Amino acid sequence: MKPLILTLALVALLLPPAARAEAPFPVVPVAVTDWKAVYGRVEAKDRIPARARLGGTLVDLTVAEGETVTAGQPLGRIVDEKLVFQLGAIDAQLQALGSQLANAQAELARGEELLARGVSTAQRLDALRTQVDVLTNQIAAQQAERQVVEQQAAEGTVLAPIAGRVLEVPVAKGAVVMPGEVVATLGGGGFFLRLAVPERHAATLREGDAIGIETAAGLTQGRLVKVYPLIENGRVVADVEVEALDAAFVDARVLVRLPMGQRQVIAVPAGALHTRAGLDFVVVEAGGARLDRAVVPGSHHLIEGADMVEIVTGLVAGDVVITDER
């Protein structure tokens, strides 16, 4: 049995190509997309700095680069020692005004008693009432000023403006910061790819176009969602939305393939090409005969799920190429 199997296998190998399963392939022009490779950067949709609202010393810093925070979460605390002294001065003034008010209220009570006896005058009583009102209002003003200072001290807590990831912390614990200085930069709202394309390709960019993206896991696709009208430094800025984008490193460069337009090409299945002595051939059927024709192949294209090879020269529309179905 084994010698018979070996004999059949040897006969199959020695059969000429015409005896194998073959299929004609009529050559027709097909449309292919020209792609341009550019680099895009991974960016956050919202990139907002958390700023200091108070000048002073950063006594506490609770976040570092790469951490995830929620909106309103405390990131650090700034202390201005002058506010402590201001509060002490206001408290001393309140104590003094309180003592003066107590004395003025006692004088008013005596003045009312004397007026009831007919010893004092109504004018004197009005002056005592006015003094009590003045001291009461002064105490209210000092209390309001104390609330302002307390609010300033409370603004020393730096809060996260949005939920997201901490991208940068340019200060360190113990540093002296000024009002408005950035304590941390946060990125949130999701991540996308931002492209900067030469302006000569601006007319070929269309919102909604499929974009090829090369990642470590292989080729994936994104969608062009925004093309900005402002051209800066000879480049057009565009945003690409990608599902499950790897945002482990913000501002990382990712290779992107942009569609630059379509053109008509002659393409044949990759299996139709045969290489001999450094030359590429295809089998062409013409007038009932089959001939080997030398061709110059180009790049590979994936057309309707099949691997097709562009033929630069050697074939024209209408030729019939014989392909092996092996």
C-alpha atoms as a PDB file:
ATOM      1  CA  MET A   1       0.000   0.000   0.000  1.00  0.00           C
ATOM      2  CA  LYS A   2       2.793   2.440   0.892  1.00  0.00           C
ATOM      3  CA  PRO A   3       4.621   2.032  -2.476  1.00  0.00           C
ATOM      4  CA  LEU A   4       1.324   2.838  -4.252  1.00  0.00           C
ATOM      5  CA  ILE A   5       0.841   6.050  -2.265  1.00  0.00           C
ATOM      6  CA  LEU A   6       4.417   7.157  -2.954  1.00  0.00           C
ATOM      7  CA  THR A   7       3.963   6.457  -6.680  1.00  0.00           C
ATOM      8  CA  LEU A   8       0.765   8.540  -6.849  1.00  0.00           C
ATOM      9  CA  ALA A   9       2.432  11.433  -5.032  1.00  0.00           C
ATOM     10  CA  LEU A  10       5.409  11.349  -7.407  1.00  0.00           C
ATOM     11  CA  VAL A  11       3.106  11.355 -10.429  1.00  0.00           C
ATOM     12  CA  ALA A  12       1.223  14.397  -9.042  1.00  0.00           C
ATOM     13  CA  LEU A  13       4.475  16.324  -8.636  1.00  0.00           C
ATOM     14  CA  LEU A  14       5.654  15.460 -12.162  1.00  0.00           C
ATOM     15  CA  LEU A  15       2.420  16.576 -13.794  1.00  0.00           C
ATOM     16  CA  PRO A  16       2.791  19.730 -15.906  1.00  0.00           C
ATOM     17  CA  PRO A  17       1.139  22.949 -14.640  1.00  0.00           C
ATOM     18  CA  ALA A  18      -1.672  22.577 -17.184  1.00  0.00           C
ATOM     19  CA  ALA A  19      -2.750  19.334 -15.473  1.00  0.00           C
ATOM     20  CA  ARG A  20      -3.300  21.016 -12.098  1.00  0.00           C
ATOM     21  CA  ALA A  21      -6.488  22.771 -10.989  1.00  0.00           C
ATOM     22  CA  GLU A  22      -6.465  26.136 -12.711  1.00  0.00           C
ATOM     23  CA  ALA A  23      -8.845  29.080 -13.049  1.00  0.00           C
ATOM     24  CA  PRO A  24      -8.915  31.950 -15.523  1.00  0.00           C
ATOM     25  CA  PHE A  25      -8.810  35.472 -14.091  1.00  0.00           C
ATOM     26  CA  PRO A  26      -9.955  38.255 -16.428  1.00  0.00           C
ATOM     27  CA  VAL A  27      -7.899  41.398 -15.893  1.00  0.00           C
ATOM     28  CA  VAL A  28      -9.973  44.510 -15.174  1.00  0.00           C
ATOM     29  CA  PRO A  29      -8.932  47.827 -13.581  1.00  0.00           C
ATOM     30  CA  VAL A  30      -9.761  48.065  -9.887  1.00  0.00           C
ATOM     31  CA  ALA A  31      -9.788  51.065  -7.589  1.00  0.00           C
ATOM     32  CA  VAL A  32      -7.223  51.100  -4.786  1.00  0.00           C
ATOM     33  CA  THR A  33      -6.616  53.669  -2.072  1.00  0.00           C
ATOM     34  CA  ASP A  34      -3.303  55.445  -1.789  1.00  0.00           C
ATOM     35  CA  TRP A  35      -2.180  55.728   1.829  1.00  0.00           C
ATOM     36  CA  LYS A  36       0.243  58.161   3.414  1.00  0.00           C
ATOM     37  CA  ALA A  37       2.101  57.223   6.580  1.00  0.00           C
ATOM     38  CA  VAL A  38       2.220  59.964   9.211  1.00  0.00           C
ATOM     39  CA  TYR A  39       2.645  60.018  12.962  1.00  0.00           C
ATOM     40  CA  GLY A  40      -0.162  60.958  15.327  1.00  0.00           C
ATOM     41  CA  ARG A  41       0.073  61.824  19.010  1.00  0.00           C
ATOM     42  CA  VAL A  42      -2.052  60.356  21.774  1.00  0.00           C
ATOM     43  CA  GLU A  43      -3.731  63.306  23.490  1.00  0.00           C
ATOM     44  CA  ALA A  44      -6.460  63.832  26.059  1.00  0.00           C
ATOM     45  CA  LYS A  45      -9.670  65.501  24.913  1.00  0.00           C
ATOM     46  CA  ASP A  46      -9.584  67.790  27.960  1.00  0.00           C
ATOM     47  CA  ARG A  47      -6.209  68.950  29.230  1.00  0.00           C
ATOM     48  CA  ILE A  48      -6.756  71.322  32.150  1.00  0.00           C
ATOM     49  CA  PRO A  49      -4.252  72.626  34.699  1.00  0.00           C
ATOM     50  CA  ALA A  50      -5.041  72.599  38.408  1.00  0.00           C
ATOM     51  CA  ARG A  51      -3.884  76.040  39.529  1.00  0.00           C
ATOM     52  CA  ALA A  52      -3.102  77.529  42.908  1.00  0.00           C
ATOM     53  CA  ARG A  53      -5.701  80.047  44.055  1.00  0.00           C
ATOM     54  CA  LEU A  54      -3.509  81.222  46.909  1.00  0.00           C
ATOM     55  CA  GLY A  55       0.118  82.211  47.123  1.00  0.00           C
ATOM     56  CA  GLY A  56       2.215  80.541  49.771  1.00  0.00           C
ATOM     57  CA  THR A  57       4.098  77.368  50.638  1.00  0.00           C
ATOM     58  CA  LEU A  58       3.003  73.994  49.288  1.00  0.00           C
ATOM     59  CA  VAL A  59       2.979  72.015  52.529  1.00  0.00           C
ATOM     60  CA  ASP A  60       1.154  68.951  51.186  1.00  0.00           C
ATOM     61  CA  LEU A  61       1.129  67.214  47.776  1.00  0.00           C
ATOM     62  CA  THR A  62      -1.002  64.072  47.515  1.00  0.00           C
ATOM     63  CA  VAL A  63      -0.710  63.103  43.814  1.00  0.00           C
ATOM     64  CA  ALA A  64       1.974  62.059  41.364  1.00  0.00           C
ATOM     65  CA  GLU A  65       2.198  61.604  37.597  1.00  0.00           C
ATOM     66  CA  GLY A  66       0.073  58.764  36.244  1.00  0.00           C
ATOM     67  CA  GLU A  67      -2.458  58.633  39.078  1.00  0.00           C
ATOM     68  CA  THR A  68      -6.195  58.744  38.417  1.00  0.00           C
ATOM     69  CA  VAL A  69      -8.228  61.400  40.238  1.00  0.00           C
ATOM     70  CA  THR A  70     -11.870  62.416  40.484  1.00  0.00           C
ATOM     71  CA  ALA A  71     -13.337  65.870  39.989  1.00  0.00           C
ATOM     72  CA  GLY A  72     -12.995  67.944  43.167  1.00  0.00           C
ATOM     73  CA  GLN A  73     -10.399  65.659  44.746  1.00  0.00           C
ATOM     74  CA  PRO A  74      -7.774  67.526  46.827  1.00  0.00           C
ATOM     75  CA  LEU A  75      -4.380  67.431  45.145  1.00  0.00           C
ATOM     76  CA  GLY A  76      -2.367  69.523  47.592  1.00  0.00           C
ATOM     77  CA  ARG A  77      -2.519  72.227  50.233  1.00  0.00           C
ATOM     78  CA  ILE A  78      -0.947  75.683  50.243  1.00  0.00           C
ATOM     79  CA  VAL A  79      -0.440  77.652  53.446  1.00  0.00           C
ATOM     80  CA  ASP A  80       0.134  81.412  53.695  1.00  0.00           C
ATOM     81  CA  GLU A  81       1.460  82.233  57.157  1.00  0.00           C
ATOM     82  CA  LYS A  82       0.300  85.853  56.848  1.00  0.00           C
ATOM     83  CA  LEU A  83      -3.315  84.712  56.935  1.00  0.00           C
ATOM     84  CA  VAL A  84      -2.785  83.182  60.386  1.00  0.00           C
ATOM     85  CA  PHE A  85      -1.543  86.525  61.699  1.00  0.00           C
ATOM     86  CA  GLN A  86      -4.432  88.353  60.032  1.00  0.00           C
ATOM     87  CA  LEU A  87      -6.902  86.053  61.753  1.00  0.00           C
ATOM     88  CA  GLY A  88      -5.177  86.705  65.081  1.00  0.00           C
ATOM     89  CA  ALA A  89      -5.383  90.467  64.558  1.00  0.00           C
ATOM     90  CA  ILE A  90      -9.065  90.288  63.636  1.00  0.00           C
ATOM     91  CA  ASP A  91      -9.823  88.169  66.704  1.00  0.00           C
ATOM     92  CA  ALA A  92      -8.072  90.733  68.925  1.00  0.00           C
ATOM     93  CA  GLN A  93     -10.104  93.551  67.368  1.00  0.00           C
ATOM     94  CA  LEU A  94     -13.283  91.564  67.898  1.00  0.00           C
ATOM     95  CA  GLN A  95     -12.439  91.112  71.569  1.00  0.00           C
ATOM     96  CA  ALA A  96     -11.755  94.841  71.952  1.00  0.00           C
ATOM     97  CA  LEU A  97     -14.970  95.770  70.165  1.00  0.00           C
ATOM     98  CA  GLY A  98     -16.875  93.260  72.269  1.00  0.00           C
ATOM     99  CA  SER A  99     -15.630  94.883  75.445  1.00  0.00           C
ATOM    100  CA  GLN A 100     -16.498  98.346  74.133  1.00  0.00           C
ATOM    101  CA  LEU A 101     -19.958  97.124  73.142  1.00  0.00           C
ATOM    102  CA  ALA A 102     -20.587  95.653  76.578  1.00  0.00           C
ATOM    103  CA  ASN A 103     -19.555  98.969  78.182  1.00  0.00           C
ATOM    104  CA  ALA A 104     -21.730 100.949  75.734  1.00  0.00           C
ATOM    105  CA  GLN A 105     -24.726  98.734  76.431  1.00  0.00           C
ATOM    106  CA  ALA A 106     -24.230  99.242  80.184  1.00  0.00           C
ATOM    107  CA  GLU A 107     -24.036 103.037  79.665  1.00  0.00           C
ATOM    108  CA  LEU A 108     -27.224 102.888  77.603  1.00  0.00           C
ATOM    109  CA  ALA A 109     -29.032 100.962  80.325  1.00  0.00           C
ATOM    110  CA  ARG A 110     -27.988 103.563  82.947  1.00  0.00           C
ATOM    111  CA  GLY A 111     -28.965 106.416  80.623  1.00  0.00           C
ATOM    112  CA  GLU A 112     -32.443 104.945  80.178  1.00  0.00           C
ATOM    113  CA  GLU A 113     -32.814 104.638  83.957  1.00  0.00           C
ATOM    114  CA  LEU A 114     -31.654 108.224  84.503  1.00  0.00           C
ATOM    115  CA  LEU A 115     -34.006 109.503  81.816  1.00  0.00           C
ATOM    116  CA  ALA A 116     -36.881 107.721  83.539  1.00  0.00           C
ATOM    117  CA  ARG A 117     -35.981 109.598  86.750  1.00  0.00           C
ATOM    118  CA  GLY A 118     -35.731 112.856  84.860  1.00  0.00           C
ATOM    119  CA  VAL A 119     -32.062 113.297  85.608  1.00  0.00           C
ATOM    120  CA  SER A 120     -30.684 112.791  82.079  1.00  0.00           C
ATOM    121  CA  THR A 121     -31.759 114.154  78.718  1.00  0.00           C
ATOM    122  CA  ALA A 122     -33.105 112.401  75.616  1.00  0.00           C
ATOM    123  CA  GLN A 123     -30.192 113.797  73.596  1.00  0.00           C
ATOM    124  CA  ARG A 124     -27.702 111.997  75.842  1.00  0.00           C
ATOM    125  CA  LEU A 125     -29.718 108.771  75.467  1.00  0.00           C
ATOM    126  CA  ASP A 126     -29.686 109.056  71.661  1.00  0.00           C
ATOM    127  CA  ALA A 127     -25.894 109.450  71.698  1.00  0.00           C
ATOM    128  CA  LEU A 128     -25.565 106.265  73.790  1.00  0.00           C
ATOM    129  CA  ARG A 129     -27.851 104.348  71.420  1.00  0.00           C
ATOM    130  CA  THR A 130     -25.783 105.548  68.441  1.00  0.00           C
ATOM    131  CA  GLN A 131     -22.575 104.394  70.091  1.00  0.00           C
ATOM    132  CA  VAL A 132     -24.043 100.917  70.661  1.00  0.00           C
ATOM    133  CA  ASP A 133     -25.148 100.713  67.009  1.00  0.00           C
ATOM    134  CA  VAL A 134     -21.722 101.823  65.772  1.00  0.00           C
ATOM    135  CA  LEU A 135     -19.924  99.208  67.836  1.00  0.00           C
ATOM    136  CA  THR A 136     -22.390  96.508  66.724  1.00  0.00           C
ATOM    137  CA  ASN A 137     -21.775  97.344  63.072  1.00  0.00           C
ATOM    138  CA  GLN A 138     -18.008  97.414  63.602  1.00  0.00           C
ATOM    139  CA  ILE A 139     -18.168  93.923  65.090  1.00  0.00           C
ATOM    140  CA  ALA A 140     -20.239  92.708  62.088  1.00  0.00           C
ATOM    141  CA  ALA A 141     -17.661  94.211  59.704  1.00  0.00           C
ATOM    142  CA  GLN A 142     -14.789  92.499  61.516  1.00  0.00           C
ATOM    143  CA  GLN A 143     -16.651  89.190  61.468  1.00  0.00           C
ATOM    144  CA  ALA A 144     -17.210  89.536  57.695  1.00  0.00           C
ATOM    145  CA  GLU A 145     -13.519  90.341  57.211  1.00  0.00           C
ATOM    146  CA  ARG A 146     -12.634  87.255  59.212  1.00  0.00           C
ATOM    147  CA  GLN A 147     -14.812  85.135  56.926  1.00  0.00           C
ATOM    148  CA  VAL A 148     -12.956  86.558  53.914  1.00  0.00           C
ATOM    149  CA  VAL A 149      -9.599  85.586  55.420  1.00  0.00           C
ATOM    150  CA  GLU A 150     -10.937  82.132  56.316  1.00  0.00           C
ATOM    151  CA  GLN A 151     -12.099  81.688  52.724  1.00  0.00           C
ATOM    152  CA  GLN A 152      -8.661  82.695  51.477  1.00  0.00           C
ATOM    153  CA  ALA A 153      -7.086  80.116  53.753  1.00  0.00           C
ATOM    154  CA  ALA A 154      -9.561  77.473  52.542  1.00  0.00           C
ATOM    155  CA  GLU A 155      -8.597  78.247  48.928  1.00  0.00           C
ATOM    156  CA  GLY A 156      -5.160  76.937  49.759  1.00  0.00           C
ATOM    157  CA  THR A 157      -6.511  73.446  49.009  1.00  0.00           C
ATOM    158  CA  VAL A 158      -5.833  72.666  45.334  1.00  0.00           C
ATOM    159  CA  LEU A 159      -8.749  70.738  43.802  1.00  0.00           C
ATOM    160  CA  ALA A 160      -8.889  68.624  40.655  1.00  0.00           C
ATOM    161  CA  PRO A 161     -10.944  70.526  38.032  1.00  0.00           C
ATOM    162  CA  ILE A 162     -11.919  67.338  36.141  1.00  0.00           C
ATOM    163  CA  ALA A 163     -11.794  63.583  36.533  1.00  0.00           C
ATOM    164  CA  GLY A 164      -8.907  61.962  34.707  1.00  0.00           C
ATOM    165  CA  ARG A 165      -5.225  61.171  34.897  1.00  0.00           C
ATOM    166  CA  VAL A 166      -2.443  63.307  36.290  1.00  0.00           C
ATOM    167  CA  LEU A 167      -0.126  64.074  33.374  1.00  0.00           C
ATOM    168  CA  GLU A 168       2.359  66.439  34.981  1.00  0.00           C
ATOM    169  CA  VAL A 169       3.249  67.756  38.430  1.00  0.00           C
ATOM    170  CA  PRO A 170       5.744  70.607  37.907  1.00  0.00           C
ATOM    171  CA  VAL A 171       6.120  71.525  41.605  1.00  0.00           C
ATOM    172  CA  ALA A 172       7.343  69.690  44.695  1.00  0.00           C
ATOM    173  CA  LYS A 173       6.322  69.668  48.322  1.00  0.00           C
ATOM    174  CA  GLY A 174       7.789  72.655  50.151  1.00  0.00           C
ATOM    175  CA  ALA A 175       7.912  74.868  47.066  1.00  0.00           C
ATOM    176  CA  VAL A 176       6.691  78.465  47.142  1.00  0.00           C
ATOM    177  CA  VAL A 177       3.911  78.988  44.607  1.00  0.00           C
ATOM    178  CA  MET A 178       2.192  82.119  43.353  1.00  0.00           C
ATOM    179  CA  PRO A 179      -1.541  82.604  42.697  1.00  0.00           C
ATOM    180  CA  GLY A 180      -2.418  81.066  39.341  1.00  0.00           C
ATOM    181  CA  GLU A 181       0.652  78.823  39.193  1.00  0.00           C
ATOM    182  CA  VAL A 182       0.100  75.285  37.871  1.00  0.00           C
ATOM    183  CA  VAL A 183       0.338  72.598  40.545  1.00  0.00           C
ATOM    184  CA  ALA A 184      -0.723  69.661  38.329  1.00  0.00           C
ATOM    185  CA  THR A 185      -1.935  69.110  34.767  1.00  0.00           C
ATOM    186  CA  LEU A 186      -4.835  66.705  34.280  1.00  0.00           C
ATOM    187  CA  GLY A 187      -6.040  64.903  31.172  1.00  0.00           C
ATOM    188  CA  GLY A 188      -9.597  63.610  30.963  1.00  0.00           C
ATOM    189  CA  GLY A 189     -12.647  63.189  28.793  1.00  0.00           C
ATOM    190  CA  GLY A 190     -11.130  60.278  26.861  1.00  0.00           C
ATOM    191  CA  PHE A 191      -8.139  60.058  24.545  1.00  0.00           C
ATOM    192  CA  PHE A 192      -7.722  60.455  20.790  1.00  0.00           C
ATOM    193  CA  LEU A 193      -5.038  60.773  18.127  1.00  0.00           C
ATOM    194  CA  ARG A 194      -4.049  64.225  16.869  1.00  0.00           C
ATOM    195  CA  LEU A 195      -2.430  64.497  13.443  1.00  0.00           C
ATOM    196  CA  ALA A 196      -0.501  67.281  11.752  1.00  0.00           C
ATOM    197  CA  VAL A 197      -0.636  66.743   7.986  1.00  0.00           C
ATOM    198  CA  PRO A 198       1.106  68.879   5.316  1.00  0.00           C
ATOM    199  CA  GLU A 199      -1.309  71.413   3.895  1.00  0.00           C
ATOM    200  CA  ARG A 200      -1.015  70.019   0.355  1.00  0.00           C
ATOM    201  CA  HIS A 201      -3.075  67.055   1.570  1.00  0.00           C
ATOM    202  CA  ALA A 202      -5.780  69.192   3.196  1.00  0.00           C
ATOM    203  CA  ALA A 203      -8.239  68.709   0.337  1.00  0.00           C
ATOM    204  CA  THR A 204      -8.073  64.910   0.643  1.00  0.00           C
ATOM    205  CA  LEU A 205      -9.075  64.807   4.323  1.00  0.00           C
ATOM    206  CA  ARG A 206     -12.756  64.130   4.932  1.00  0.00           C
ATOM    207  CA  GLU A 207     -14.445  63.827   8.302  1.00  0.00           C
ATOM    208  CA  GLY A 208     -15.702  60.266   8.744  1.00  0.00           C
ATOM    209  CA  ASP A 209     -12.931  58.651   6.665  1.00  0.00           C
ATOM    210  CA  ALA A 210     -11.515  55.332   7.929  1.00  0.00           C
ATOM    211  CA  ILE A 211      -7.936  55.673   9.137  1.00  0.00           C
ATOM    212  CA  GLY A 212      -5.463  52.800   9.391  1.00  0.00           C
ATOM    213  CA  ILE A 213      -3.479  52.706  12.626  1.00  0.00           C
ATOM    214  CA  GLU A 214      -0.466  50.485  13.238  1.00  0.00           C
ATOM    215  CA  THR A 215      -0.157  49.323  16.838  1.00  0.00           C
ATOM    216  CA  ALA A 216       1.863  46.683  18.633  1.00  0.00           C
ATOM    217  CA  ALA A 217      -1.131  44.332  18.366  1.00  0.00           C
ATOM    218  CA  GLY A 218      -1.424  44.855  14.604  1.00  0.00           C
ATOM    219  CA  LEU A 219      -3.327  47.061  12.182  1.00  0.00           C
ATOM    220  CA  THR A 220      -6.539  48.613  13.501  1.00  0.00           C
ATOM    221  CA  GLN A 221      -8.881  51.315  12.292  1.00  0.00           C
ATOM    222  CA  GLY A 222     -10.010  54.694  13.522  1.00  0.00           C
ATOM    223  CA  ARG A 223     -12.322  57.420  12.258  1.00  0.00           C
ATOM    224  CA  LEU A 224     -11.439  60.973  11.293  1.00  0.00           C
ATOM    225  CA  VAL A 225     -13.793  63.040  13.454  1.00  0.00           C
ATOM    226  CA  LYS A 226     -12.448  66.588  13.158  1.00  0.00           C
ATOM    227  CA  VAL A 227     -10.422  68.591  10.645  1.00  0.00           C
ATOM    228  CA  TYR A 228      -9.478  72.020  11.975  1.00  0.00           C
ATOM    229  CA  PRO A 229      -9.738  74.921   9.518  1.00  0.00           C
ATOM    230  CA  LEU A 230      -6.686  76.786  10.832  1.00  0.00           C
ATOM    231  CA  ILE A 231      -3.395  75.895   9.117  1.00  0.00           C
ATOM    232  CA  GLU A 232      -0.348  76.423  11.335  1.00  0.00           C
ATOM    233  CA  ASN A 233       3.241  76.153  10.132  1.00  0.00           C
ATOM    234  CA  GLY A 234       2.060  74.660   6.852  1.00  0.00           C
ATOM    235  CA  ARG A 235       0.186  71.804   8.516  1.00  0.00           C
ATOM    236  CA  VAL A 236      -3.462  70.844   8.946  1.00  0.00           C
ATOM    237  CA  VAL A 237      -4.488  69.526  12.365  1.00  0.00           C
ATOM    238  CA  ALA A 238      -6.996  66.657  12.532  1.00  0.00           C
ATOM    239  CA  ASP A 239      -8.363  64.393  15.271  1.00  0.00           C
ATOM    240  CA  VAL A 240      -8.858  60.630  14.936  1.00  0.00           C
ATOM    241  CA  GLU A 241     -11.120  58.669  17.252  1.00  0.00           C
ATOM    242  CA  VAL A 242      -9.971  55.118  18.034  1.00  0.00           C
ATOM    243  CA  GLU A 243     -11.803  52.538  20.104  1.00  0.00           C
ATOM    244  CA  ALA A 244      -9.761  51.027  22.938  1.00  0.00           C
ATOM    245  CA  LEU A 245      -6.854  53.361  22.250  1.00  0.00           C
ATOM    246  CA  ASP A 246      -3.801  52.502  24.328  1.00  0.00           C
ATOM    247  CA  ALA A 247      -3.360  55.664  26.390  1.00  0.00           C
ATOM    248  CA  ALA A 248      -0.687  54.359  28.746  1.00  0.00           C
ATOM    249  CA  PHE A 249       1.625  57.115  27.476  1.00  0.00           C
ATOM    250  CA  VAL A 250       0.101  60.469  26.600  1.00  0.00           C
ATOM    251  CA  ASP A 251       1.817  62.317  23.731  1.00  0.00           C
ATOM    252  CA  ALA A 252       3.162  58.980  22.454  1.00  0.00           C
ATOM    253  CA  ARG A 253       3.630  58.860  18.666  1.00  0.00           C
ATOM    254  CA  VAL A 254       1.584  56.299  16.722  1.00  0.00           C
ATOM    255  CA  LEU A 255       2.025  55.462  13.037  1.00  0.00           C
ATOM    256  CA  VAL A 256      -1.136  56.322  11.111  1.00  0.00           C
ATOM    257  CA  ARG A 257      -2.065  55.638   7.473  1.00  0.00           C
ATOM    258  CA  LEU A 258      -4.190  58.360   5.872  1.00  0.00           C
ATOM    259  CA  PRO A 259      -6.209  57.836   2.671  1.00  0.00           C
ATOM    260  CA  MET A 260      -4.874  60.253   0.060  1.00  0.00           C
ATOM    261  CA  GLY A 261      -7.280  59.321  -2.769  1.00  0.00           C
ATOM    262  CA  GLN A 262      -8.033  56.445  -5.140  1.00  0.00           C
ATOM    263  CA  ARG A 263      -6.616  55.354  -8.470  1.00  0.00           C
ATOM    264  CA  GLN A 264      -7.278  52.619 -11.037  1.00  0.00           C
ATOM    265  CA  VAL A 265      -4.701  49.811 -11.225  1.00  0.00           C
ATOM    266  CA  ILE A 266      -4.264  46.416 -12.853  1.00  0.00           C
ATOM    267  CA  ALA A 267      -4.033  43.770 -10.132  1.00  0.00           C
ATOM    268  CA  VAL A 268      -3.869  39.981 -10.143  1.00  0.00           C
ATOM    269  CA  PRO A 269      -4.003  37.430  -7.336  1.00  0.00           C
ATOM    270  CA  ALA A 270      -0.670  36.957  -5.628  1.00  0.00           C
ATOM    271  CA  GLY A 271      -0.726  33.250  -6.522  1.00  0.00           C
ATOM    272  CA  ALA A 272      -0.670  34.058 -10.255  1.00  0.00           C
ATOM    273  CA  LEU A 273       2.931  35.322 -10.098  1.00  0.00           C
ATOM    274  CA  HIS A 274       5.864  32.963 -10.781  1.00  0.00           C
ATOM    275  CA  THR A 275       9.489  33.942 -10.378  1.00  0.00           C
ATOM    276  CA  ARG A 276      12.230  32.436 -12.509  1.00  0.00           C
ATOM    277  CA  ALA A 277      15.800  33.653 -12.890  1.00  0.00           C
ATOM    278  CA  GLY A 278      14.949  36.828 -11.006  1.00  0.00           C
ATOM    279  CA  LEU A 279      12.038  37.732 -13.299  1.00  0.00           C
ATOM    280  CA  ASP A 280       8.311  37.647 -12.538  1.00  0.00           C
ATOM    281  CA  PHE A 281       5.892  35.937 -14.942  1.00  0.00           C
ATOM    282  CA  VAL A 282       2.193  35.313 -15.240  1.00  0.00           C
ATOM    283  CA  VAL A 283       0.491  32.767 -17.496  1.00  0.00           C
ATOM    284  CA  VAL A 284      -1.724  34.538 -20.040  1.00  0.00           C
ATOM    285  CA  GLU A 285      -4.307  32.815 -22.207  1.00  0.00           C
ATOM    286  CA  ALA A 286      -4.587  34.326 -25.710  1.00  0.00           C
ATOM    287  CA  GLY A 287      -6.064  32.726 -28.864  1.00  0.00           C
ATOM    288  CA  GLY A 288      -6.408  29.343 -27.172  1.00  0.00           C
ATOM    289  CA  ALA A 289      -2.702  29.259 -26.256  1.00  0.00           C
ATOM    290  CA  ARG A 290      -1.006  29.906 -22.937  1.00  0.00           C
ATOM    291  CA  LEU A 291       2.070  32.046 -22.752  1.00  0.00           C
ATOM    292  CA  ASP A 292       4.395  33.182 -20.027  1.00  0.00           C
ATOM    293  CA  ARG A 293       4.471  36.964 -19.936  1.00  0.00           C
ATOM    294  CA  ALA A 294       7.035  38.944 -17.986  1.00  0.00           C
ATOM    295  CA  VAL A 295       5.525  41.591 -15.696  1.00  0.00           C
ATOM    296  CA  VAL A 296       6.741  44.195 -13.230  1.00  0.00           C
ATOM    297  CA  PRO A 297       4.826  43.777  -9.962  1.00  0.00           C
ATOM    298  CA  GLY A 298       4.117  46.609  -7.569  1.00  0.00           C
ATOM    299  CA  SER A 299       2.735  46.710  -4.066  1.00  0.00           C
ATOM    300  CA  HIS A 300       0.259  44.325  -2.490  1.00  0.00           C
ATOM    301  CA  HIS A 301      -3.373  45.370  -1.915  1.00  0.00           C
ATOM    302  CA  LEU A 302      -6.109  43.706   0.075  1.00  0.00           C
ATOM    303  CA  ILE A 303      -9.139  43.777  -2.251  1.00  0.00           C
ATOM    304  CA  GLU A 304     -12.360  42.142  -1.046  1.00  0.00           C
ATOM    305  CA  GLY A 305     -10.352  40.024   1.369  1.00  0.00           C
ATOM    306  CA  ALA A 306      -7.966  38.681  -1.324  1.00  0.00           C
ATOM    307  CA  ASP A 307      -4.247  39.391  -1.562  1.00  0.00           C
ATOM    308  CA  MET A 308      -3.784  41.164  -4.889  1.00  0.00           C
ATOM    309  CA  VAL A 309      -0.548  42.354  -6.505  1.00  0.00           C
ATOM    310  CA  GLU A 310      -0.484  45.530  -8.556  1.00  0.00           C
ATOM    311  CA  ILE A 311       1.025  45.028 -12.019  1.00  0.00           C
ATOM    312  CA  VAL A 312       2.941  48.124 -13.058  1.00  0.00           C
ATOM    313  CA  THR A 313       3.549  46.961 -16.612  1.00  0.00           C
ATOM    314  CA  GLY A 314       3.089  43.786 -18.659  1.00  0.00           C
ATOM    315  CA  LEU A 315      -0.715  43.434 -18.556  1.00  0.00           C
ATOM    316  CA  VAL A 316      -3.636  45.409 -19.948  1.00  0.00           C
ATOM    317  CA  ALA A 317      -7.353  45.327 -19.297  1.00  0.00           C
ATOM    318  CA  GLY A 318      -8.961  42.395 -21.063  1.00  0.00           C
ATOM    319  CA  ASP A 319      -6.086  39.924 -20.628  1.00  0.00           C
ATOM    320  CA  VAL A 320      -6.949  36.584 -19.072  1.00  0.00           C
ATOM    321  CA  VAL A 321      -4.485  35.339 -16.459  1.00  0.00           C
ATOM    322  CA  ILE A 322      -4.379  31.698 -15.423  1.00  0.00           C
ATOM    323  CA  THR A 323      -4.139  31.202 -11.671  1.00  0.00           C
ATOM    324  CA  ASP A 324      -3.426  27.979  -9.809  1.00  0.00           C
ATOM    325  CA  GLU A 325      -6.050  26.972  -7.253  1.00  0.00           C
ATOM    326  CA  ARG A 326      -3.669  25.073  -5.044  1.00  0.00           C
END
